[in-house]
Amino acid sequence: MAEKTITVRQKRSYIACMPKTRGTLRALGLRKIGDTNVLPDRPEIRGMIARVPHLIEIIVSDKKGS
């Protein structure tokens, strides 16, 4: 069965952002510009991504399984 994953990469700094935005980036596993993280494609992850689209890049992929 193929499980979808989302790769997120931080492309902008969160220095001038609100504390909630900073917390959302930390929850996504991003700390500094250029960091990437692979996350499962679930509604709660999509909700976090929807809060910070101006700071990240998103790549959706299928994981090849047996």
PDB file of N, CA and C in Angstrom:
ATOM      1  N   MET A   1       0.826  -1.176   0.000  1.00  0.00           N
ATOM      2  CA  MET A   1       0.000   0.000   0.000  1.00  0.00           C
ATOM      3  C   MET A   1       0.879   1.251   0.000  1.00  0.00           C
ATOM      4  N   ALA A   2       0.532   2.218  -0.804  1.00  0.00           N
ATOM      5  CA  ALA A   2       1.330   3.439  -0.893  1.00  0.00           C
ATOM      6  C   ALA A   2       0.810   4.475   0.109  1.00  0.00           C
ATOM      7  N   GLU A   3       1.709   4.983   0.926  1.00  0.00           N
ATOM      8  CA  GLU A   3       1.361   6.013   1.895  1.00  0.00           C
ATOM      9  C   GLU A   3       1.883   7.343   1.384  1.00  0.00           C
ATOM     10  N   LYS A   4       1.000   8.348   1.313  1.00  0.00           N
ATOM     11  CA  LYS A   4       1.431   9.647   0.830  1.00  0.00           C
ATOM     12  C   LYS A   4       2.194  10.390   1.921  1.00  0.00           C
ATOM     13  N   THR A   5       3.214  11.088   1.487  1.00  0.00           N
ATOM     14  CA  THR A   5       3.994  11.913   2.407  1.00  0.00           C
ATOM     15  C   THR A   5       4.110  13.313   1.838  1.00  0.00           C
ATOM     16  N   ILE A   6       4.384  14.238   2.713  1.00  0.00           N
ATOM     17  CA  ILE A   6       4.600  15.631   2.334  1.00  0.00           C
ATOM     18  C   ILE A   6       5.989  16.016   2.807  1.00  0.00           C
ATOM     19  N   THR A   7       6.780  16.558   1.909  1.00  0.00           N
ATOM     20  CA  THR A   7       8.078  17.092   2.281  1.00  0.00           C
ATOM     21  C   THR A   7       7.945  18.608   2.363  1.00  0.00           C
ATOM     22  N   VAL A   8       8.280  19.161   3.514  1.00  0.00           N
ATOM     23  CA  VAL A   8       8.224  20.611   3.689  1.00  0.00           C
ATOM     24  C   VAL A   8       9.638  21.140   3.898  1.00  0.00           C
ATOM     25  N   ARG A   9       9.897  22.301   3.310  1.00  0.00           N
ATOM     26  CA  ARG A   9      11.206  22.947   3.444  1.00  0.00           C
ATOM     27  C   ARG A   9      10.975  24.405   3.799  1.00  0.00           C
ATOM     28  N   GLN A  10      11.668  24.869   4.824  1.00  0.00           N
ATOM     29  CA  GLN A  10      11.537  26.265   5.219  1.00  0.00           C
ATOM     30  C   GLN A  10      12.333  27.129   4.257  1.00  0.00           C
ATOM     31  N   LYS A  11      11.665  28.134   3.679  1.00  0.00           N
ATOM     32  CA  LYS A  11      12.345  28.990   2.708  1.00  0.00           C
ATOM     33  C   LYS A  11      12.498  30.433   3.182  1.00  0.00           C
ATOM     34  N   ARG A  12      11.783  30.817   4.245  1.00  0.00           N
ATOM     35  CA  ARG A  12      11.902  32.174   4.778  1.00  0.00           C
ATOM     36  C   ARG A  12      12.021  32.129   6.295  1.00  0.00           C
ATOM     37  N   SER A  13      12.555  33.202   6.858  1.00  0.00           N
ATOM     38  CA  SER A  13      12.755  33.294   8.296  1.00  0.00           C
ATOM     39  C   SER A  13      11.442  33.617   9.011  1.00  0.00           C
ATOM     40  N   TYR A  14      11.355  33.212  10.270  1.00  0.00           N
ATOM     41  CA  TYR A  14      10.167  33.507  11.075  1.00  0.00           C
ATOM     42  C   TYR A  14      10.435  34.607  12.096  1.00  0.00           C
ATOM     43  N   ILE A  15      11.492  35.381  11.920  1.00  0.00           N
ATOM     44  CA  ILE A  15      11.885  36.400  12.894  1.00  0.00           C
ATOM     45  C   ILE A  15      10.768  37.412  13.157  1.00  0.00           C
ATOM     46  N   ALA A  16      10.109  37.908  12.134  1.00  0.00           N
ATOM     47  CA  ALA A  16       9.085  38.939  12.315  1.00  0.00           C
ATOM     48  C   ALA A  16       7.680  38.354  12.447  1.00  0.00           C
ATOM     49  N   CYS A  17       7.559  37.067  12.691  1.00  0.00           N
ATOM     50  CA  CYS A  17       6.261  36.401  12.754  1.00  0.00           C
ATOM     51  C   CYS A  17       5.729  36.343  14.184  1.00  0.00           C
ATOM     52  N   MET A  18       4.434  36.099  14.281  1.00  0.00           N
ATOM     53  CA  MET A  18       3.772  35.968  15.572  1.00  0.00           C
ATOM     54  C   MET A  18       4.208  34.667  16.258  1.00  0.00           C
ATOM     55  N   PRO A  19       4.100  34.598  17.579  1.00  0.00           N
ATOM     56  CA  PRO A  19       4.506  33.397  18.306  1.00  0.00           C
ATOM     57  C   PRO A  19       3.777  32.123  17.867  1.00  0.00           C
ATOM     58  N   LYS A  20       2.504  32.229  17.500  1.00  0.00           N
ATOM     59  CA  LYS A  20       1.769  31.055  17.025  1.00  0.00           C
ATOM     60  C   LYS A  20       2.369  30.510  15.736  1.00  0.00           C
ATOM     61  N   THR A  21       2.807  31.409  14.870  1.00  0.00           N
ATOM     62  CA  THR A  21       3.433  30.998  13.615  1.00  0.00           C
ATOM     63  C   THR A  21       4.750  30.283  13.890  1.00  0.00           C
ATOM     64  N   ARG A  22       5.525  30.806  14.821  1.00  0.00           N
ATOM     65  CA  ARG A  22       6.791  30.167  15.198  1.00  0.00           C
ATOM     66  C   ARG A  22       6.535  28.771  15.752  1.00  0.00           C
ATOM     67  N   GLY A  23       5.519  28.640  16.582  1.00  0.00           N
ATOM     68  CA  GLY A  23       5.171  27.347  17.150  1.00  0.00           C
ATOM     69  C   GLY A  23       4.733  26.350  16.096  1.00  0.00           C
ATOM     70  N   THR A  24       4.022  26.823  15.083  1.00  0.00           N
ATOM     71  CA  THR A  24       3.585  25.950  14.001  1.00  0.00           C
ATOM     72  C   THR A  24       4.784  25.427  13.220  1.00  0.00           C
ATOM     73  N   LEU A  25       5.752  26.288  12.948  1.00  0.00           N
ATOM     74  CA  LEU A  25       6.960  25.840  12.248  1.00  0.00           C
ATOM     75  C   LEU A  25       7.715  24.819  13.085  1.00  0.00           C
ATOM     76  N   ARG A  26       7.809  25.041  14.382  1.00  0.00           N
ATOM     77  CA  ARG A  26       8.495  24.083  15.252  1.00  0.00           C
ATOM     78  C   ARG A  26       7.761  22.749  15.268  1.00  0.00           C
ATOM     79  N   ALA A  27       6.416  22.791  15.269  1.00  0.00           N
ATOM     80  CA  ALA A  27       5.621  21.564  15.259  1.00  0.00           C
ATOM     81  C   ALA A  27       5.806  20.795  13.948  1.00  0.00           C
ATOM     82  N   LEU A  28       6.091  21.513  12.868  1.00  0.00           N
ATOM     83  CA  LEU A  28       6.376  20.863  11.588  1.00  0.00           C
ATOM     84  C   LEU A  28       7.802  20.337  11.533  1.00  0.00           C
ATOM     85  N   GLY A  29       8.598  20.641  12.543  1.00  0.00           N
ATOM     86  CA  GLY A  29       9.969  20.145  12.609  1.00  0.00           C
ATOM     87  C   GLY A  29      10.966  21.021  11.887  1.00  0.00           C
ATOM     88  N   LEU A  30      10.638  22.300  11.722  1.00  0.00           N
ATOM     89  CA  LEU A  30      11.512  23.237  11.007  1.00  0.00           C
ATOM     90  C   LEU A  30      12.073  24.255  11.989  1.00  0.00           C
ATOM     91  N   ARG A  31      13.389  24.462  11.940  1.00  0.00           N
ATOM     92  CA  ARG A  31      14.035  25.384  12.872  1.00  0.00           C
ATOM     93  C   ARG A  31      14.708  26.554  12.177  1.00  0.00           C
ATOM     94  N   LYS A  32      15.270  26.330  11.002  1.00  0.00           N
ATOM     95  CA  LYS A  32      15.991  27.397  10.314  1.00  0.00           C
ATOM     96  C   LYS A  32      15.797  27.256   8.805  1.00  0.00           C
ATOM     97  N   ILE A  33      16.170  28.281   8.077  1.00  0.00           N
ATOM     98  CA  ILE A  33      16.009  28.289   6.625  1.00  0.00           C
ATOM     99  C   ILE A  33      16.794  27.133   6.021  1.00  0.00           C
ATOM    100  N   GLY A  34      16.135  26.408   5.117  1.00  0.00           N
ATOM    101  CA  GLY A  34      16.772  25.284   4.452  1.00  0.00           C
ATOM    102  C   GLY A  34      16.477  23.939   5.087  1.00  0.00           C
ATOM    103  N   ASP A  35      15.929  23.921   6.295  1.00  0.00           N
ATOM    104  CA  ASP A  35      15.568  22.655   6.938  1.00  0.00           C
ATOM    105  C   ASP A  35      14.433  21.988   6.186  1.00  0.00           C
ATOM    106  N   THR A  36      14.483  20.661   6.076  1.00  0.00           N
ATOM    107  CA  THR A  36      13.401  19.901   5.451  1.00  0.00           C
ATOM    108  C   THR A  36      12.931  18.830   6.420  1.00  0.00           C
ATOM    109  N   ASN A  37      11.682  18.419   6.231  1.00  0.00           N
ATOM    110  CA  ASN A  37      11.112  17.356   7.046  1.00  0.00           C
ATOM    111  C   ASN A  37      10.080  16.619   6.211  1.00  0.00           C
ATOM    112  N   VAL A  38      10.034  15.303   6.359  1.00  0.00           N
ATOM    113  CA  VAL A  38       9.057  14.470   5.664  1.00  0.00           C
ATOM    114  C   VAL A  38       7.983  14.092   6.669  1.00  0.00           C
ATOM    115  N   LEU A  39       6.729  14.428   6.331  1.00  0.00           N
ATOM    116  CA  LEU A  39       5.603  14.211   7.240  1.00  0.00           C
ATOM    117  C   LEU A  39       4.517  13.412   6.537  1.00  0.00           C
ATOM    118  N   PRO A  40       3.690  12.682   7.285  1.00  0.00           N
ATOM    119  CA  PRO A  40       2.569  11.970   6.654  1.00  0.00           C
ATOM    120  C   PRO A  40       1.517  12.958   6.174  1.00  0.00           C
ATOM    121  N   ASP A  41       0.836  12.599   5.095  1.00  0.00           N
ATOM    122  CA  ASP A  41      -0.197  13.465   4.521  1.00  0.00           C
ATOM    123  C   ASP A  41      -1.508  13.223   5.268  1.00  0.00           C
ATOM    124  N   ARG A  42      -1.704  13.994   6.355  1.00  0.00           N
ATOM    125  CA  ARG A  42      -2.900  13.874   7.189  1.00  0.00           C
ATOM    126  C   ARG A  42      -3.533  15.254   7.330  1.00  0.00           C
ATOM    127  N   PRO A  43      -4.832  15.309   7.657  1.00  0.00           N
ATOM    128  CA  PRO A  43      -5.521  16.604   7.762  1.00  0.00           C
ATOM    129  C   PRO A  43      -4.888  17.567   8.765  1.00  0.00           C
ATOM    130  N   GLU A  44      -4.394  17.053   9.906  1.00  0.00           N
ATOM    131  CA  GLU A  44      -3.812  17.964  10.901  1.00  0.00           C
ATOM    132  C   GLU A  44      -2.502  18.564  10.412  1.00  0.00           C
ATOM    133  N   ILE A  45      -1.741  17.824   9.626  1.00  0.00           N
ATOM    134  CA  ILE A  45      -0.515  18.361   9.033  1.00  0.00           C
ATOM    135  C   ILE A  45      -0.872  19.391   7.969  1.00  0.00           C
ATOM    136  N   ARG A  46      -1.881  19.093   7.153  1.00  0.00           N
ATOM    137  CA  ARG A  46      -2.334  20.043   6.133  1.00  0.00           C
ATOM    138  C   ARG A  46      -2.808  21.346   6.760  1.00  0.00           C
ATOM    139  N   GLY A  47      -3.455  21.266   7.927  1.00  0.00           N
ATOM    140  CA  GLY A  47      -3.902  22.466   8.634  1.00  0.00           C
ATOM    141  C   GLY A  47      -2.739  23.317   9.092  1.00  0.00           C
ATOM    142  N   MET A  48      -1.680  22.675   9.594  1.00  0.00           N
ATOM    143  CA  MET A  48      -0.491  23.420  10.014  1.00  0.00           C
ATOM    144  C   MET A  48       0.170  24.079   8.810  1.00  0.00           C
ATOM    145  N   ILE A  49       0.225  23.366   7.699  1.00  0.00           N
ATOM    146  CA  ILE A  49       0.824  23.908   6.480  1.00  0.00           C
ATOM    147  C   ILE A  49       0.021  25.111   5.979  1.00  0.00           C
ATOM    148  N   ALA A  50      -1.297  25.056   6.127  1.00  0.00           N
ATOM    149  CA  ALA A  50      -2.158  26.153   5.679  1.00  0.00           C
ATOM    150  C   ALA A  50      -1.914  27.439   6.467  1.00  0.00           C
ATOM    151  N   ARG A  51      -1.390  27.328   7.687  1.00  0.00           N
ATOM    152  CA  ARG A  51      -1.101  28.517   8.504  1.00  0.00           C
ATOM    153  C   ARG A  51       0.173  29.240   8.076  1.00  0.00           C
ATOM    154  N   VAL A  52       1.111  28.521   7.453  1.00  0.00           N
ATOM    155  CA  VAL A  52       2.416  29.114   7.142  1.00  0.00           C
ATOM    156  C   VAL A  52       2.857  28.900   5.688  1.00  0.00           C
ATOM    157  N   PRO A  53       1.959  29.064   4.709  1.00  0.00           N
ATOM    158  CA  PRO A  53       2.374  28.782   3.322  1.00  0.00           C
ATOM    159  C   PRO A  53       3.399  29.773   2.797  1.00  0.00           C
ATOM    160  N   HIS A  54       3.474  30.969   3.395  1.00  0.00           N
ATOM    161  CA  HIS A  54       4.399  32.001   2.940  1.00  0.00           C
ATOM    162  C   HIS A  54       5.831  31.743   3.415  1.00  0.00           C
ATOM    163  N   LEU A  55       6.021  30.779   4.325  1.00  0.00           N
ATOM    164  CA  LEU A  55       7.345  30.507   4.873  1.00  0.00           C
ATOM    165  C   LEU A  55       7.944  29.186   4.408  1.00  0.00           C
ATOM    166  N   ILE A  56       7.137  28.336   3.750  1.00  0.00           N
ATOM    167  CA  ILE A  56       7.605  26.990   3.408  1.00  0.00           C
ATOM    168  C   ILE A  56       7.334  26.643   1.948  1.00  0.00           C
ATOM    169  N   GLU A  57       8.030  25.618   1.463  1.00  0.00           N
ATOM    170  CA  GLU A  57       7.757  24.990   0.175  1.00  0.00           C
ATOM    171  C   GLU A  57       7.237  23.595   0.462  1.00  0.00           C
ATOM    172  N   ILE A  58       6.328  23.108  -0.378  1.00  0.00           N
ATOM    173  CA  ILE A  58       5.686  21.818  -0.152  1.00  0.00           C
ATOM    174  C   ILE A  58       5.877  20.921  -1.359  1.00  0.00           C
ATOM    175  N   ILE A  59       6.228  19.634  -1.095  1.00  0.00           N
ATOM    176  CA  ILE A  59       6.341  18.628  -2.144  1.00  0.00           C
ATOM    177  C   ILE A  59       5.555  17.408  -1.686  1.00  0.00           C
ATOM    178  N   VAL A  60       4.515  17.014  -2.466  1.00  0.00           N
ATOM    179  CA  VAL A  60       3.716  15.842  -2.138  1.00  0.00           C
ATOM    180  C   VAL A  60       4.259  14.668  -2.944  1.00  0.00           C
ATOM    181  N   SER A  61       4.468  13.520  -2.272  1.00  0.00           N
ATOM    182  CA  SER A  61       4.999  12.365  -2.969  1.00  0.00           C
ATOM    183  C   SER A  61       4.351  11.085  -2.470  1.00  0.00           C
ATOM    184  N   ASP A  62       4.440  10.028  -3.279  1.00  0.00           N
ATOM    185  CA  ASP A  62       3.971   8.701  -2.888  1.00  0.00           C
ATOM    186  C   ASP A  62       5.165   7.881  -2.463  1.00  0.00           C
ATOM    187  N   LYS A  63       5.029   7.209  -1.318  1.00  0.00           N
ATOM    188  CA  LYS A  63       6.102   6.333  -0.860  1.00  0.00           C
ATOM    189  C   LYS A  63       5.872   4.962  -1.492  1.00  0.00           C
ATOM    190  N   LYS A  64       6.889   4.445  -2.178  1.00  0.00           N
ATOM    191  CA  LYS A  64       6.766   3.133  -2.829  1.00  0.00           C
ATOM    192  C   LYS A  64       6.893   2.057  -1.773  1.00  0.00           C
ATOM    193  N   GLY A  65       5.881   1.205  -1.692  1.00  0.00           N
ATOM    194  CA  GLY A  65       5.912   0.127  -0.719  1.00  0.00           C
ATOM    195  C   GLY A  65       5.686  -1.218  -1.389  1.00  0.00           C
ATOM    196  N   SER A  66       5.862  -2.293  -0.662  1.00  0.00           N
ATOM    197  CA  SER A  66       5.674  -3.611  -1.254  1.00  0.00           C
ATOM    198  C   SER A  66       4.289  -4.142  -0.993  1.00  0.00           C
TER     199      SER A  66
END
